[in-house]
Amino acid sequence: MPLNDARNVLICAGIMWIVGLVDDVLDLSALVKLAGQVVTGCLLVVFQIQVFTLPAFGGGQLSVAPSLSALVTVVLAIMAINAVNFMDGLDGLAAGVVGAGAAGLFIYSYSATLGDHRSTLVSASCLLTAALVGSCLGFLYHNAWPARIFMGDAGSQMLGVVLIASAFLAMSNEAAVISADELRPRAGVLMWFALPIAIAGLPLFDLAAAVIRRAWRGQSIFVADQGHLHHVLLRRGASHRSVSLLLTGWALTVSCGAAWIAIDPKLWKAIALGACLIVLFSVHEHRRWGQIRASLRAPAL
């Protein structure tokens, strides 16, 4: 039943919320937080919310060994939790990016539920992502710059669990068959490799850059710094509001674009046009921010 799968996801998210709440109050060590994330990932495996199969390029499905499936599920869950947590460094940014990713996943999940053979797993993903988009929009009303409330580690880590678990449900074996057989013949492979990356692409990119940057400097990867993407844009002269809107717009275009292309590959031209418009807007804003920063540094006459 979709409600049972959604309930199991919320149980895992609730555990991660408790760990995050304790961290917000007591400032837990990195190892303790990592242990909580591992436990949450293992619970996803216990509830069978995990990666079971992969699509083959020649057609059909490739089964994943149970031990490898569990390992991949736990690692991906930890990555998603920390990726969203790292994005929570600016008012409205984490909620906007997660809401954008959930919107793309909802588009795909809802399209999959329109098939003749409805999947309970993908229906649960549709339910969770719809709730996630709505909650992020409601939270943004109070969290947009200047923020009146903050999600903290409790909120950001919970969002990461719900997002990655919804992706696991949507990418289940039954959902992949629906995508390949009932939506588009070539959608399965694209959906598995492009859609998950697109949904969480921005947080994962920021996470990977942070890990590489801190390891290169000889620092602990769990120590916060001011080198995240939003910090770089702020130093370029951008305002809090413009950075949040720009990164959220990027996430929304990429995630929803990938979902629509997975459903109908003919839409790639329209998606590419939208992406080009955002690139042009980004270049224009980048130059404007540079001019603002230069004017602020110029000595007064």
C-alpha atoms as a PDB file:
ATOM      1  CA  MET A   1       0.000   0.000   0.000  1.00  0.00           C
ATOM      2  CA  PRO A   2       1.285   3.491  -0.790  1.00  0.00           C
ATOM      3  CA  LEU A   3       0.440   4.716   2.701  1.00  0.00           C
ATOM      4  CA  ASN A   4       2.550   1.965   4.273  1.00  0.00           C
ATOM      5  CA  ASP A   5       5.559   2.890   2.146  1.00  0.00           C
ATOM      6  CA  ALA A   6       5.031   6.586   2.909  1.00  0.00           C
ATOM      7  CA  ARG A   7       4.747   5.779   6.620  1.00  0.00           C
ATOM      8  CA  ASN A   8       8.043   3.897   6.553  1.00  0.00           C
ATOM      9  CA  VAL A   9       9.753   6.838   4.879  1.00  0.00           C
ATOM     10  CA  LEU A  10       8.361   9.216   7.499  1.00  0.00           C
ATOM     11  CA  ILE A  11       9.644   6.935  10.273  1.00  0.00           C
ATOM     12  CA  CYS A  12      13.170   7.173   8.840  1.00  0.00           C
ATOM     13  CA  ALA A  13      12.789  10.918   8.347  1.00  0.00           C
ATOM     14  CA  GLY A  14      11.561  11.274  11.933  1.00  0.00           C
ATOM     15  CA  ILE A  15      14.638   9.507  13.286  1.00  0.00           C
ATOM     16  CA  MET A  16      16.885  11.802  11.271  1.00  0.00           C
ATOM     17  CA  TRP A  17      14.887  14.796  12.510  1.00  0.00           C
ATOM     18  CA  ILE A  18      15.483  13.763  16.115  1.00  0.00           C
ATOM     19  CA  VAL A  19      19.227  13.401  15.497  1.00  0.00           C
ATOM     20  CA  GLY A  20      19.304  16.794  13.827  1.00  0.00           C
ATOM     21  CA  LEU A  21      17.307  18.403  16.629  1.00  0.00           C
ATOM     22  CA  VAL A  22      19.695  17.060  19.258  1.00  0.00           C
ATOM     23  CA  ASP A  23      22.589  18.339  17.142  1.00  0.00           C
ATOM     24  CA  ASP A  24      21.010  21.800  16.931  1.00  0.00           C
ATOM     25  CA  VAL A  25      20.743  21.901  20.734  1.00  0.00           C
ATOM     26  CA  LEU A  26      23.856  20.043  21.907  1.00  0.00           C
ATOM     27  CA  ASP A  27      26.181  20.312  18.851  1.00  0.00           C
ATOM     28  CA  LEU A  28      26.911  16.616  18.321  1.00  0.00           C
ATOM     29  CA  SER A  29      30.221  15.399  16.959  1.00  0.00           C
ATOM     30  CA  ALA A  30      30.557  14.487  13.302  1.00  0.00           C
ATOM     31  CA  LEU A  31      30.866  10.762  14.056  1.00  0.00           C
ATOM     32  CA  VAL A  32      27.659  10.742  16.097  1.00  0.00           C
ATOM     33  CA  LYS A  33      25.774  12.480  13.295  1.00  0.00           C
ATOM     34  CA  LEU A  34      27.244  10.051  10.772  1.00  0.00           C
ATOM     35  CA  ALA A  35      26.127   7.138  12.941  1.00  0.00           C
ATOM     36  CA  GLY A  36      22.587   8.495  12.925  1.00  0.00           C
ATOM     37  CA  GLN A  37      22.691   8.791   9.148  1.00  0.00           C
ATOM     38  CA  VAL A  38      23.948   5.208   8.809  1.00  0.00           C
ATOM     39  CA  VAL A  39      21.139   3.963  11.043  1.00  0.00           C
ATOM     40  CA  THR A  40      18.599   5.838   8.920  1.00  0.00           C
ATOM     41  CA  GLY A  41      20.038   4.351   5.735  1.00  0.00           C
ATOM     42  CA  CYS A  42      19.940   0.859   7.234  1.00  0.00           C
ATOM     43  CA  LEU A  43      16.295   1.379   8.199  1.00  0.00           C
ATOM     44  CA  LEU A  44      15.505   2.222   4.589  1.00  0.00           C
ATOM     45  CA  VAL A  45      17.018  -1.131   3.635  1.00  0.00           C
ATOM     46  CA  VAL A  46      14.998  -2.910   6.344  1.00  0.00           C
ATOM     47  CA  PHE A  47      11.828  -1.326   4.938  1.00  0.00           C
ATOM     48  CA  GLN A  48      12.963  -2.404   1.447  1.00  0.00           C
ATOM     49  CA  ILE A  49      13.157   1.171   0.209  1.00  0.00           C
ATOM     50  CA  GLN A  50      16.322   0.669  -1.774  1.00  0.00           C
ATOM     51  CA  VAL A  51      17.897   0.062  -5.162  1.00  0.00           C
ATOM     52  CA  PHE A  52      16.922  -3.423  -6.361  1.00  0.00           C
ATOM     53  CA  THR A  53      17.563  -3.317 -10.097  1.00  0.00           C
ATOM     54  CA  LEU A  54      19.255  -1.289 -12.784  1.00  0.00           C
ATOM     55  CA  PRO A  55      18.067  -0.958 -16.385  1.00  0.00           C
ATOM     56  CA  ALA A  56      20.129  -2.508 -19.147  1.00  0.00           C
ATOM     57  CA  PHE A  57      20.948  -0.401 -22.195  1.00  0.00           C
ATOM     58  CA  GLY A  58      19.914  -3.268 -24.434  1.00  0.00           C
ATOM     59  CA  GLY A  59      16.594  -3.604 -22.635  1.00  0.00           C
ATOM     60  CA  GLY A  60      15.453  -5.495 -19.578  1.00  0.00           C
ATOM     61  CA  GLN A  61      16.595  -5.245 -15.976  1.00  0.00           C
ATOM     62  CA  LEU A  62      19.812  -6.091 -14.156  1.00  0.00           C
ATOM     63  CA  SER A  63      19.351  -7.441 -10.636  1.00  0.00           C
ATOM     64  CA  VAL A  64      21.575  -6.007  -7.916  1.00  0.00           C
ATOM     65  CA  ALA A  65      23.007  -8.353  -5.280  1.00  0.00           C
ATOM     66  CA  PRO A  66      21.348  -7.802  -1.875  1.00  0.00           C
ATOM     67  CA  SER A  67      24.590  -6.829  -0.145  1.00  0.00           C
ATOM     68  CA  LEU A  68      25.529  -4.382  -2.902  1.00  0.00           C
ATOM     69  CA  SER A  69      21.990  -3.002  -2.941  1.00  0.00           C
ATOM     70  CA  ALA A  70      22.135  -2.320   0.811  1.00  0.00           C
ATOM     71  CA  LEU A  71      25.540  -0.675   0.544  1.00  0.00           C
ATOM     72  CA  VAL A  72      24.533   1.567  -2.364  1.00  0.00           C
ATOM     73  CA  THR A  73      21.310   2.563  -0.597  1.00  0.00           C
ATOM     74  CA  VAL A  74      23.073   3.552   2.629  1.00  0.00           C
ATOM     75  CA  VAL A  75      25.800   5.490   0.805  1.00  0.00           C
ATOM     76  CA  LEU A  76      23.313   7.379  -1.364  1.00  0.00           C
ATOM     77  CA  ALA A  77      21.186   8.191   1.687  1.00  0.00           C
ATOM     78  CA  ILE A  78      24.197   9.616   3.547  1.00  0.00           C
ATOM     79  CA  MET A  79      25.199  11.661   0.505  1.00  0.00           C
ATOM     80  CA  ALA A  80      21.711  13.099   0.060  1.00  0.00           C
ATOM     81  CA  ILE A  81      21.342  13.983   3.749  1.00  0.00           C
ATOM     82  CA  ASN A  82      24.661  15.830   3.852  1.00  0.00           C
ATOM     83  CA  ALA A  83      24.127  17.460   0.460  1.00  0.00           C
ATOM     84  CA  VAL A  84      20.897  19.104   1.588  1.00  0.00           C
ATOM     85  CA  ASN A  85      22.465  20.001   4.932  1.00  0.00           C
ATOM     86  CA  PHE A  86      25.358  21.758   3.179  1.00  0.00           C
ATOM     87  CA  MET A  87      22.908  23.767   1.066  1.00  0.00           C
ATOM     88  CA  ASP A  88      21.255  25.161   4.177  1.00  0.00           C
ATOM     89  CA  GLY A  89      23.612  28.102   4.436  1.00  0.00           C
ATOM     90  CA  LEU A  90      21.399  30.835   3.051  1.00  0.00           C
ATOM     91  CA  ASP A  91      17.852  31.955   3.748  1.00  0.00           C
ATOM     92  CA  GLY A  92      15.422  29.991   1.591  1.00  0.00           C
ATOM     93  CA  LEU A  93      18.092  28.094  -0.343  1.00  0.00           C
ATOM     94  CA  ALA A  94      17.731  24.533   0.963  1.00  0.00           C
ATOM     95  CA  ALA A  95      13.930  24.630   0.926  1.00  0.00           C
ATOM     96  CA  GLY A  96      13.914  26.084  -2.595  1.00  0.00           C
ATOM     97  CA  VAL A  97      16.384  23.580  -4.061  1.00  0.00           C
ATOM     98  CA  VAL A  98      14.755  20.570  -2.373  1.00  0.00           C
ATOM     99  CA  GLY A  99      11.310  21.754  -3.453  1.00  0.00           C
ATOM    100  CA  ALA A 100      12.567  22.116  -7.021  1.00  0.00           C
ATOM    101  CA  GLY A 101      14.032  18.608  -6.998  1.00  0.00           C
ATOM    102  CA  ALA A 102      10.855  17.174  -5.496  1.00  0.00           C
ATOM    103  CA  ALA A 103       8.808  18.908  -8.200  1.00  0.00           C
ATOM    104  CA  GLY A 104      10.768  17.136 -10.921  1.00  0.00           C
ATOM    105  CA  LEU A 105      10.397  13.795  -9.158  1.00  0.00           C
ATOM    106  CA  PHE A 106       6.666  14.403  -8.712  1.00  0.00           C
ATOM    107  CA  ILE A 107       6.244  15.047 -12.449  1.00  0.00           C
ATOM    108  CA  TYR A 108       7.820  11.710 -13.275  1.00  0.00           C
ATOM    109  CA  SER A 109       6.033   9.793 -10.500  1.00  0.00           C
ATOM    110  CA  TYR A 110       2.635  11.201 -11.414  1.00  0.00           C
ATOM    111  CA  SER A 111       3.177  10.320 -15.081  1.00  0.00           C
ATOM    112  CA  ALA A 112       4.094   6.776 -14.091  1.00  0.00           C
ATOM    113  CA  THR A 113       0.906   6.376 -12.043  1.00  0.00           C
ATOM    114  CA  LEU A 114      -1.177   7.108 -15.153  1.00  0.00           C
ATOM    115  CA  GLY A 115      -0.269   3.709 -16.605  1.00  0.00           C
ATOM    116  CA  ASP A 116      -2.691   0.821 -16.715  1.00  0.00           C
ATOM    117  CA  HIS A 117      -0.738  -1.128 -14.086  1.00  0.00           C
ATOM    118  CA  ARG A 118      -0.391   1.280 -11.175  1.00  0.00           C
ATOM    119  CA  SER A 119       2.634   0.803  -8.956  1.00  0.00           C
ATOM    120  CA  THR A 120       2.145   1.187  -5.211  1.00  0.00           C
ATOM    121  CA  LEU A 121       5.780   2.167  -4.827  1.00  0.00           C
ATOM    122  CA  VAL A 122       5.689   4.948  -7.379  1.00  0.00           C
ATOM    123  CA  SER A 123       2.326   6.075  -5.975  1.00  0.00           C
ATOM    124  CA  ALA A 124       3.995   6.480  -2.590  1.00  0.00           C
ATOM    125  CA  SER A 125       6.716   8.525  -4.266  1.00  0.00           C
ATOM    126  CA  CYS A 126       4.053  10.700  -5.886  1.00  0.00           C
ATOM    127  CA  LEU A 127       2.385  11.248  -2.507  1.00  0.00           C
ATOM    128  CA  LEU A 128       5.625  12.063  -0.698  1.00  0.00           C
ATOM    129  CA  THR A 129       6.964  14.427  -3.341  1.00  0.00           C
ATOM    130  CA  ALA A 130       3.665  16.310  -3.533  1.00  0.00           C
ATOM    131  CA  ALA A 131       3.759  16.762   0.239  1.00  0.00           C
ATOM    132  CA  LEU A 132       7.425  17.750   0.056  1.00  0.00           C
ATOM    133  CA  VAL A 133       6.798  20.438  -2.559  1.00  0.00           C
ATOM    134  CA  GLY A 134       3.899  21.843  -0.561  1.00  0.00           C
ATOM    135  CA  SER A 135       5.812  21.872   2.714  1.00  0.00           C
ATOM    136  CA  CYS A 136       8.829  23.558   1.105  1.00  0.00           C
ATOM    137  CA  LEU A 137       6.626  26.243  -0.437  1.00  0.00           C
ATOM    138  CA  GLY A 138       4.890  26.852   2.869  1.00  0.00           C
ATOM    139  CA  PHE A 139       8.190  27.003   4.710  1.00  0.00           C
ATOM    140  CA  LEU A 140       9.675  29.395   2.142  1.00  0.00           C
ATOM    141  CA  TYR A 141       7.022  31.955   3.026  1.00  0.00           C
ATOM    142  CA  HIS A 142       8.714  32.297   6.426  1.00  0.00           C
ATOM    143  CA  ASN A 143      12.259  31.270   5.476  1.00  0.00           C
ATOM    144  CA  ALA A 144      12.884  33.501   2.454  1.00  0.00           C
ATOM    145  CA  TRP A 145      15.323  36.361   3.067  1.00  0.00           C
ATOM    146  CA  PRO A 146      15.080  37.934   5.565  1.00  0.00           C
ATOM    147  CA  ALA A 147      14.123  34.697   7.310  1.00  0.00           C
ATOM    148  CA  ARG A 148      11.874  34.633  10.347  1.00  0.00           C
ATOM    149  CA  ILE A 149      12.338  30.921  11.048  1.00  0.00           C
ATOM    150  CA  PHE A 150      15.138  28.455  10.257  1.00  0.00           C
ATOM    151  CA  MET A 151      15.086  24.728   9.571  1.00  0.00           C
ATOM    152  CA  GLY A 152      18.423  23.884  11.196  1.00  0.00           C
ATOM    153  CA  ASP A 153      20.035  20.462  10.871  1.00  0.00           C
ATOM    154  CA  ALA A 154      16.777  18.842  11.982  1.00  0.00           C
ATOM    155  CA  GLY A 155      14.876  20.170   8.997  1.00  0.00           C
ATOM    156  CA  SER A 156      17.594  19.899   6.351  1.00  0.00           C
ATOM    157  CA  GLN A 157      18.510  16.294   7.171  1.00  0.00           C
ATOM    158  CA  MET A 158      14.860  15.280   7.281  1.00  0.00           C
ATOM    159  CA  LEU A 159      14.329  16.795   3.820  1.00  0.00           C
ATOM    160  CA  GLY A 160      17.316  14.839   2.527  1.00  0.00           C
ATOM    161  CA  VAL A 161      15.847  11.551   3.762  1.00  0.00           C
ATOM    162  CA  VAL A 162      12.411  12.170   2.255  1.00  0.00           C
ATOM    163  CA  LEU A 163      13.887  13.253  -1.087  1.00  0.00           C
ATOM    164  CA  ILE A 164      16.240  10.304  -1.528  1.00  0.00           C
ATOM    165  CA  ALA A 165      13.673   7.787  -0.268  1.00  0.00           C
ATOM    166  CA  SER A 166      11.101   9.146  -2.718  1.00  0.00           C
ATOM    167  CA  ALA A 167      13.671   8.720  -5.481  1.00  0.00           C
ATOM    168  CA  PHE A 168      14.268   5.093  -4.425  1.00  0.00           C
ATOM    169  CA  LEU A 169      10.531   4.429  -4.562  1.00  0.00           C
ATOM    170  CA  ALA A 170      10.171   6.091  -7.968  1.00  0.00           C
ATOM    171  CA  MET A 171      13.157   4.169  -9.346  1.00  0.00           C
ATOM    172  CA  SER A 172      11.878   0.815  -8.111  1.00  0.00           C
ATOM    173  CA  ASN A 173      11.750  -2.194 -10.383  1.00  0.00           C
ATOM    174  CA  GLU A 174       8.015  -1.844 -11.005  1.00  0.00           C
ATOM    175  CA  ALA A 175       8.313   1.876 -11.692  1.00  0.00           C
ATOM    176  CA  ALA A 176      11.181   1.319 -14.122  1.00  0.00           C
ATOM    177  CA  VAL A 177       9.088  -1.214 -16.040  1.00  0.00           C
ATOM    178  CA  ILE A 178       6.205   1.266 -16.219  1.00  0.00           C
ATOM    179  CA  SER A 179       8.529   3.963 -17.487  1.00  0.00           C
ATOM    180  CA  ALA A 180      10.110   1.768 -20.127  1.00  0.00           C
ATOM    181  CA  ASP A 181       6.986  -0.001 -21.338  1.00  0.00           C
ATOM    182  CA  GLU A 182       4.150   2.478 -20.894  1.00  0.00           C
ATOM    183  CA  LEU A 183       5.718   5.915 -21.186  1.00  0.00           C
ATOM    184  CA  ARG A 184       8.572   5.784 -23.681  1.00  0.00           C
ATOM    185  CA  PRO A 185      10.638   2.798 -24.876  1.00  0.00           C
ATOM    186  CA  ARG A 186      13.978   4.481 -24.125  1.00  0.00           C
ATOM    187  CA  ALA A 187      12.981   6.297 -20.954  1.00  0.00           C
ATOM    188  CA  GLY A 188      14.181   3.658 -18.491  1.00  0.00           C
ATOM    189  CA  VAL A 189      17.921   4.155 -18.890  1.00  0.00           C
ATOM    190  CA  LEU A 190      17.607   7.954 -19.071  1.00  0.00           C
ATOM    191  CA  MET A 191      15.370   7.971 -16.017  1.00  0.00           C
ATOM    192  CA  TRP A 192      17.804   5.922 -13.933  1.00  0.00           C
ATOM    193  CA  PHE A 193      20.980   7.848 -14.717  1.00  0.00           C
ATOM    194  CA  ALA A 194      19.899  11.380 -15.626  1.00  0.00           C
ATOM    195  CA  LEU A 195      16.852  12.013 -13.456  1.00  0.00           C
ATOM    196  CA  PRO A 196      18.378  11.222 -10.036  1.00  0.00           C
ATOM    197  CA  ILE A 197      21.456  13.302 -10.863  1.00  0.00           C
ATOM    198  CA  ALA A 198      19.291  16.167 -12.061  1.00  0.00           C
ATOM    199  CA  ILE A 199      17.022  16.086  -9.018  1.00  0.00           C
ATOM    200  CA  ALA A 200      19.843  16.342  -6.510  1.00  0.00           C
ATOM    201  CA  GLY A 201      22.506  17.650  -8.892  1.00  0.00           C
ATOM    202  CA  LEU A 202      23.063  21.049  -7.299  1.00  0.00           C
ATOM    203  CA  PRO A 203      23.324  19.824  -3.679  1.00  0.00           C
ATOM    204  CA  LEU A 204      25.526  16.892  -4.706  1.00  0.00           C
ATOM    205  CA  PHE A 205      27.817  19.170  -6.741  1.00  0.00           C
ATOM    206  CA  ASP A 206      28.179  21.490  -3.766  1.00  0.00           C
ATOM    207  CA  LEU A 207      28.823  18.490  -1.490  1.00  0.00           C
ATOM    208  CA  ALA A 208      31.492  17.043  -3.783  1.00  0.00           C
ATOM    209  CA  ALA A 209      33.201  20.424  -4.129  1.00  0.00           C
ATOM    210  CA  ALA A 210      33.195  20.905  -0.358  1.00  0.00           C
ATOM    211  CA  VAL A 211      34.707  17.473   0.301  1.00  0.00           C
ATOM    212  CA  ILE A 212      37.438  17.964  -2.310  1.00  0.00           C
ATOM    213  CA  ARG A 213      38.173  21.507  -1.120  1.00  0.00           C
ATOM    214  CA  ARG A 214      38.493  20.551   2.537  1.00  0.00           C
ATOM    215  CA  ALA A 215      40.507  17.403   1.826  1.00  0.00           C
ATOM    216  CA  TRP A 216      42.891  19.424  -0.377  1.00  0.00           C
ATOM    217  CA  ARG A 217      43.443  21.863   2.489  1.00  0.00           C
ATOM    218  CA  GLY A 218      44.013  19.057   4.968  1.00  0.00           C
ATOM    219  CA  GLN A 219      40.839  19.935   6.904  1.00  0.00           C
ATOM    220  CA  SER A 220      38.136  17.651   8.199  1.00  0.00           C
ATOM    221  CA  ILE A 221      35.371  17.262   5.638  1.00  0.00           C
ATOM    222  CA  PHE A 222      32.846  17.874   8.425  1.00  0.00           C
ATOM    223  CA  VAL A 223      34.226  21.316   9.356  1.00  0.00           C
ATOM    224  CA  ALA A 224      32.102  24.168   7.997  1.00  0.00           C
ATOM    225  CA  ASP A 225      33.710  26.777   5.756  1.00  0.00           C
ATOM    226  CA  GLN A 226      32.764  29.725   3.547  1.00  0.00           C
ATOM    227  CA  GLY A 227      33.523  28.082   0.213  1.00  0.00           C
ATOM    228  CA  HIS A 228      30.096  26.839  -0.798  1.00  0.00           C
ATOM    229  CA  LEU A 229      28.570  27.962  -4.067  1.00  0.00           C
ATOM    230  CA  HIS A 230      26.202  30.425  -2.429  1.00  0.00           C
ATOM    231  CA  HIS A 231      29.089  31.935  -0.451  1.00  0.00           C
ATOM    232  CA  VAL A 232      31.041  32.443  -3.677  1.00  0.00           C
ATOM    233  CA  LEU A 233      28.098  34.222  -5.300  1.00  0.00           C
ATOM    234  CA  LEU A 234      27.642  36.431  -2.244  1.00  0.00           C
ATOM    235  CA  ARG A 235      31.288  37.462  -2.408  1.00  0.00           C
ATOM    236  CA  ARG A 236      30.767  38.352  -6.066  1.00  0.00           C
ATOM    237  CA  GLY A 237      28.290  40.990  -4.948  1.00  0.00           C
ATOM    238  CA  ALA A 238      25.006  39.113  -5.258  1.00  0.00           C
ATOM    239  CA  SER A 239      22.256  39.633  -2.724  1.00  0.00           C
ATOM    240  CA  HIS A 240      20.834  36.870  -0.556  1.00  0.00           C
ATOM    241  CA  ARG A 241      17.539  36.919  -2.411  1.00  0.00           C
ATOM    242  CA  SER A 242      19.073  36.818  -5.901  1.00  0.00           C
ATOM    243  CA  VAL A 243      21.376  33.901  -5.017  1.00  0.00           C
ATOM    244  CA  SER A 244      18.490  31.865  -3.617  1.00  0.00           C
ATOM    245  CA  LEU A 245      16.301  32.602  -6.638  1.00  0.00           C
ATOM    246  CA  LEU A 246      19.076  31.851  -9.126  1.00  0.00           C
ATOM    247  CA  LEU A 247      20.100  28.504  -7.613  1.00  0.00           C
ATOM    248  CA  THR A 248      16.493  27.458  -7.080  1.00  0.00           C
ATOM    249  CA  GLY A 249      15.720  28.370 -10.685  1.00  0.00           C
ATOM    250  CA  TRP A 250      18.626  26.280 -11.875  1.00  0.00           C
ATOM    251  CA  ALA A 251      17.511  23.305  -9.783  1.00  0.00           C
ATOM    252  CA  LEU A 252      13.913  23.638 -10.993  1.00  0.00           C
ATOM    253  CA  THR A 253      14.909  23.830 -14.660  1.00  0.00           C
ATOM    254  CA  VAL A 254      17.259  20.860 -14.507  1.00  0.00           C
ATOM    255  CA  SER A 255      15.071  18.565 -12.392  1.00  0.00           C
ATOM    256  CA  CYS A 256      11.776  19.271 -14.146  1.00  0.00           C
ATOM    257  CA  GLY A 257      13.503  19.279 -17.526  1.00  0.00           C
ATOM    258  CA  ALA A 258      15.006  15.843 -16.917  1.00  0.00           C
ATOM    259  CA  ALA A 259      11.631  14.512 -15.773  1.00  0.00           C
ATOM    260  CA  TRP A 260       9.841  15.829 -18.855  1.00  0.00           C
ATOM    261  CA  ILE A 261      12.547  14.473 -21.175  1.00  0.00           C
ATOM    262  CA  ALA A 262      12.291  11.054 -19.495  1.00  0.00           C
ATOM    263  CA  ILE A 263       8.552  11.127 -20.169  1.00  0.00           C
ATOM    264  CA  ASP A 264       8.765  12.567 -23.693  1.00  0.00           C
ATOM    265  CA  PRO A 265      12.224  12.875 -25.309  1.00  0.00           C
ATOM    266  CA  LYS A 266      10.768  15.248 -27.927  1.00  0.00           C
ATOM    267  CA  LEU A 267      10.630  17.988 -25.301  1.00  0.00           C
ATOM    268  CA  TRP A 268      14.421  18.291 -25.084  1.00  0.00           C
ATOM    269  CA  LYS A 269      14.498  21.293 -27.443  1.00  0.00           C
ATOM    270  CA  ALA A 270      12.139  23.335 -25.275  1.00  0.00           C
ATOM    271  CA  ILE A 271      14.059  22.332 -22.143  1.00  0.00           C
ATOM    272  CA  ALA A 272      17.353  23.301 -23.780  1.00  0.00           C
ATOM    273  CA  LEU A 273      15.916  26.699 -24.699  1.00  0.00           C
ATOM    274  CA  GLY A 274      14.844  27.295 -21.109  1.00  0.00           C
ATOM    275  CA  ALA A 275      18.280  26.283 -19.841  1.00  0.00           C
ATOM    276  CA  CYS A 276      19.955  28.668 -22.298  1.00  0.00           C
ATOM    277  CA  LEU A 277      17.766  31.527 -21.070  1.00  0.00           C
ATOM    278  CA  ILE A 278      18.804  30.836 -17.501  1.00  0.00           C
ATOM    279  CA  VAL A 279      22.471  30.720 -18.575  1.00  0.00           C
ATOM    280  CA  LEU A 280      22.130  34.119 -20.233  1.00  0.00           C
ATOM    281  CA  PHE A 281      20.401  35.507 -17.150  1.00  0.00           C
ATOM    282  CA  SER A 282      23.170  34.069 -14.955  1.00  0.00           C
ATOM    283  CA  VAL A 283      25.902  35.668 -17.079  1.00  0.00           C
ATOM    284  CA  HIS A 284      24.089  39.009 -17.007  1.00  0.00           C
ATOM    285  CA  GLU A 285      23.661  38.858 -13.239  1.00  0.00           C
ATOM    286  CA  HIS A 286      27.279  37.756 -12.781  1.00  0.00           C
ATOM    287  CA  ARG A 287      28.502  40.827 -14.657  1.00  0.00           C
ATOM    288  CA  ARG A 288      26.145  43.083 -12.731  1.00  0.00           C
ATOM    289  CA  TRP A 289      27.358  41.673  -9.426  1.00  0.00           C
ATOM    290  CA  GLY A 290      30.943  42.236 -10.501  1.00  0.00           C
ATOM    291  CA  GLN A 291      30.150  45.867 -11.353  1.00  0.00           C
ATOM    292  CA  ILE A 292      28.481  46.358  -7.982  1.00  0.00           C
ATOM    293  CA  ARG A 293      31.462  44.889  -6.151  1.00  0.00           C
ATOM    294  CA  ALA A 294      33.864  47.058  -8.146  1.00  0.00           C
ATOM    295  CA  SER A 295      31.857  50.181  -7.328  1.00  0.00           C
ATOM    296  CA  LEU A 296      31.888  49.332  -3.643  1.00  0.00           C
ATOM    297  CA  ARG A 297      35.647  48.909  -3.675  1.00  0.00           C
ATOM    298  CA  ALA A 298      36.294  52.113  -5.648  1.00  0.00           C
ATOM    299  CA  PRO A 299      37.652  54.955  -3.469  1.00  0.00           C
ATOM    300  CA  ALA A 300      35.339  57.883  -2.881  1.00  0.00           C
ATOM    301  CA  LEU A 301      36.305  61.107  -4.662  1.00  0.00           C
END
